[in-house]
């Protein structure tokens, strides 16, 4: 399950972990904040005492998107002028 909200300066996507009862432990929700120049992924730490945050530039996000569909190897994305 997921939700989408639009704020003044960001869109917020929340991924909510779901599982059949007693099949596995649930993970904390993942919150994705998208801005014009970056994407931030947040999740509560397993012990629940802090939010772990990863920030991607738009270039890093583009590389991640490509990497999900490529075989093992080294790659470089050439910048378009």
Protein backbone atom coordinates (compact mmCIF):
# COMPACT_ATOMS: atom_id res chain seq x y z
CA UNK A 1 0.00 0.00 0.00
CA UNK A 2 1.19 3.54 -0.59
CA UNK A 3 -0.03 7.11 -0.28
CA UNK A 4 0.79 10.24 -2.30
CA UNK A 5 0.51 13.79 -0.96
CA UNK A 6 1.45 17.09 -2.58
CA UNK A 7 2.82 19.89 -0.41
CA UNK A 8 3.90 23.38 -1.43
CA UNK A 9 7.51 22.43 -2.26
CA UNK A 10 7.50 18.61 -2.37
CA UNK A 11 5.53 15.52 -3.23
CA UNK A 12 5.50 12.88 -0.50
CA UNK A 13 5.11 9.17 -1.21
CA UNK A 14 4.76 6.81 1.75
CA UNK A 15 5.28 3.07 1.20
CA UNK A 16 3.47 1.09 3.88
CA UNK A 17 4.66 -2.47 4.51
CA UNK A 18 1.88 -5.05 4.53
CA UNK A 19 1.96 -8.80 5.14
CA UNK A 20 -0.40 -11.59 6.02
CA UNK A 21 -0.65 -11.94 9.83
CA UNK A 22 2.20 -13.96 11.40
CA UNK A 23 4.07 -14.43 8.09
CA UNK A 24 6.97 -12.04 8.74
CA UNK A 25 7.85 -8.98 10.77
CA UNK A 26 6.70 -5.70 9.24
CA UNK A 27 9.25 -3.07 8.23
CA UNK A 28 8.89 0.60 9.07
CA UNK A 29 7.17 2.79 6.48
CA UNK A 30 9.41 4.36 3.84
CA UNK A 31 8.81 8.04 3.11
CA UNK A 32 10.01 9.49 -0.21
CA UNK A 33 10.14 13.27 -0.52
CA UNK A 34 10.60 14.59 -4.06
CA UNK A 35 11.80 18.14 -4.66
CA UNK A 36 12.88 19.95 -7.84
CA UNK A 37 16.57 19.17 -7.29
CA UNK A 38 16.68 16.08 -5.06
CA UNK A 39 14.86 13.04 -3.72
CA UNK A 40 15.04 12.12 -0.02
CA UNK A 41 14.26 8.61 1.25
CA UNK A 42 13.53 8.25 4.98
CA UNK A 43 12.84 5.30 7.24
CA UNK A 44 12.82 4.90 11.02
CA UNK A 45 15.82 2.89 12.25
CA UNK A 46 15.08 -0.69 13.37
CA UNK A 47 15.40 0.28 17.04
CA UNK A 48 13.04 3.20 16.47
CA UNK A 49 15.19 5.96 17.91
CA UNK A 50 16.12 7.94 14.79
CA UNK A 51 15.15 8.55 11.18
CA UNK A 52 17.67 7.27 8.63
CA UNK A 53 17.79 9.59 5.62
CA UNK A 54 19.38 9.20 2.17
CA UNK A 55 19.43 12.11 -0.30
CA UNK A 56 19.80 11.54 -4.05
CA UNK A 57 20.59 14.24 -6.59
CA UNK A 58 18.50 13.99 -9.73
CA UNK A 59 21.58 12.62 -11.57
CA UNK A 60 22.05 9.89 -8.95
CA UNK A 61 18.38 9.02 -9.21
CA UNK A 62 18.69 8.71 -13.00
CA UNK A 63 21.68 6.39 -12.54
CA UNK A 64 19.75 4.28 -10.03
CA UNK A 65 16.81 4.03 -12.41
CA UNK A 66 19.11 2.75 -15.17
CA UNK A 67 21.06 0.44 -12.84
CA UNK A 68 17.92 -1.45 -11.89
CA UNK A 69 17.67 -2.75 -15.47
CA UNK A 70 21.34 -3.37 -16.36
CA UNK A 71 23.52 -6.45 -15.88
CA UNK A 72 26.57 -6.51 -13.61
CA UNK A 73 29.36 -4.14 -14.70
CA UNK A 74 30.69 -0.58 -14.56
CA UNK A 75 28.77 2.20 -16.28
CA UNK A 76 28.97 5.97 -16.77
CA UNK A 77 26.11 8.11 -17.98
CA UNK A 78 27.32 10.82 -20.33
CA UNK A 79 25.73 14.20 -19.65
CA UNK A 80 23.63 15.55 -22.51
CA UNK A 81 24.34 19.16 -23.48
